[in-house]
Amino acid sequence: MNEEQALSSIEALRKQEISELTIKKTDFLFFRDILVKQEDFKHFRGIAQRGGDILYHYSETPRS
């Protein structure tokens, strides 16, 4: 995964073109570095899956 792919995936999730986004364990740290720079970072929720992959959802209300 590169920065362009990460940003387009974040944008698709934000616009709800996709309902969820799975990030592989090997891409997690890179993806997270990009995700935390987003203004609406607190609207993204990541749920760890068995095996280390992360499943992200976008919520209209930010987490606290």
Protein backbone atom coordinates (compact mmCIF):
# COMPACT_ATOMS: atom_id res chain seq x y z
CA MET A 1 0.00 0.00 0.00
CA ASN A 2 1.23 3.46 -0.85
CA GLU A 3 0.06 6.89 0.33
CA GLU A 4 -2.20 7.45 -2.68
CA GLN A 5 -3.98 4.11 -2.14
CA ALA A 6 -4.40 4.83 1.56
CA LEU A 7 -5.85 8.29 0.94
CA SER A 8 -8.27 7.03 -1.72
CA SER A 9 -9.42 4.23 0.61
CA ILE A 10 -9.95 6.73 3.44
CA GLU A 11 -11.92 9.01 1.12
CA ALA A 12 -14.11 6.14 -0.14
CA LEU A 13 -14.89 5.14 3.45
CA ARG A 14 -15.56 8.76 4.41
CA LYS A 15 -18.00 9.22 1.49
CA GLN A 16 -19.56 5.85 2.34
CA GLU A 17 -18.83 4.50 -1.12
CA ILE A 18 -17.66 1.45 0.85
CA SER A 19 -19.08 0.40 4.23
CA GLU A 20 -15.88 -1.05 5.65
CA LEU A 21 -12.18 -1.16 4.93
CA THR A 22 -9.84 -4.02 5.81
CA ILE A 23 -6.20 -3.14 6.40
CA LYS A 24 -3.65 -5.93 6.48
CA LYS A 25 -1.44 -6.32 9.53
CA THR A 26 1.64 -5.50 7.44
CA ASP A 27 0.13 -2.18 6.26
CA PHE A 28 -1.32 -1.07 9.59
CA LEU A 29 1.43 1.25 10.87
CA PHE A 30 1.79 2.98 7.50
CA PHE A 31 -1.99 3.38 7.13
CA ARG A 32 -2.43 4.63 10.69
CA ASP A 33 0.22 7.34 10.20
CA ILE A 34 -1.86 8.69 7.33
CA LEU A 35 -5.20 8.21 9.08
CA VAL A 36 -4.27 10.15 12.24
CA LYS A 37 -3.44 13.21 10.10
CA GLN A 38 -7.05 13.42 8.90
CA GLU A 39 -9.22 16.18 10.43
CA ASP A 40 -12.06 13.71 11.02
CA PHE A 41 -9.80 11.02 12.49
CA LYS A 42 -12.14 10.42 15.43
CA HIS A 43 -14.92 9.37 13.05
CA PHE A 44 -12.95 6.28 12.01
CA ARG A 45 -13.22 3.18 14.16
CA GLY A 46 -10.81 0.29 13.78
CA ILE A 47 -11.60 -3.18 15.08
CA ALA A 48 -8.82 -5.72 15.33
CA GLN A 49 -9.54 -9.06 13.69
CA ARG A 50 -8.08 -12.46 14.34
CA GLY A 51 -4.71 -12.66 12.60
CA GLY A 52 -3.89 -8.96 13.04
CA ASP A 53 -5.93 -7.34 10.27
CA ILE A 54 -7.94 -4.21 11.13
CA LEU A 55 -11.50 -3.56 10.00
CA TYR A 56 -12.35 0.17 9.75
CA HIS A 57 -15.80 1.77 9.73
CA TYR A 58 -16.76 5.43 9.44
CA SER A 59 -19.22 6.92 11.91
CA GLU A 60 -21.12 10.21 11.61
CA THR A 61 -20.50 10.87 15.30
CA PRO A 62 -16.91 11.07 16.52
CA ARG A 63 -15.69 8.80 19.27
CA SER A 64 -14.66 10.46 22.49
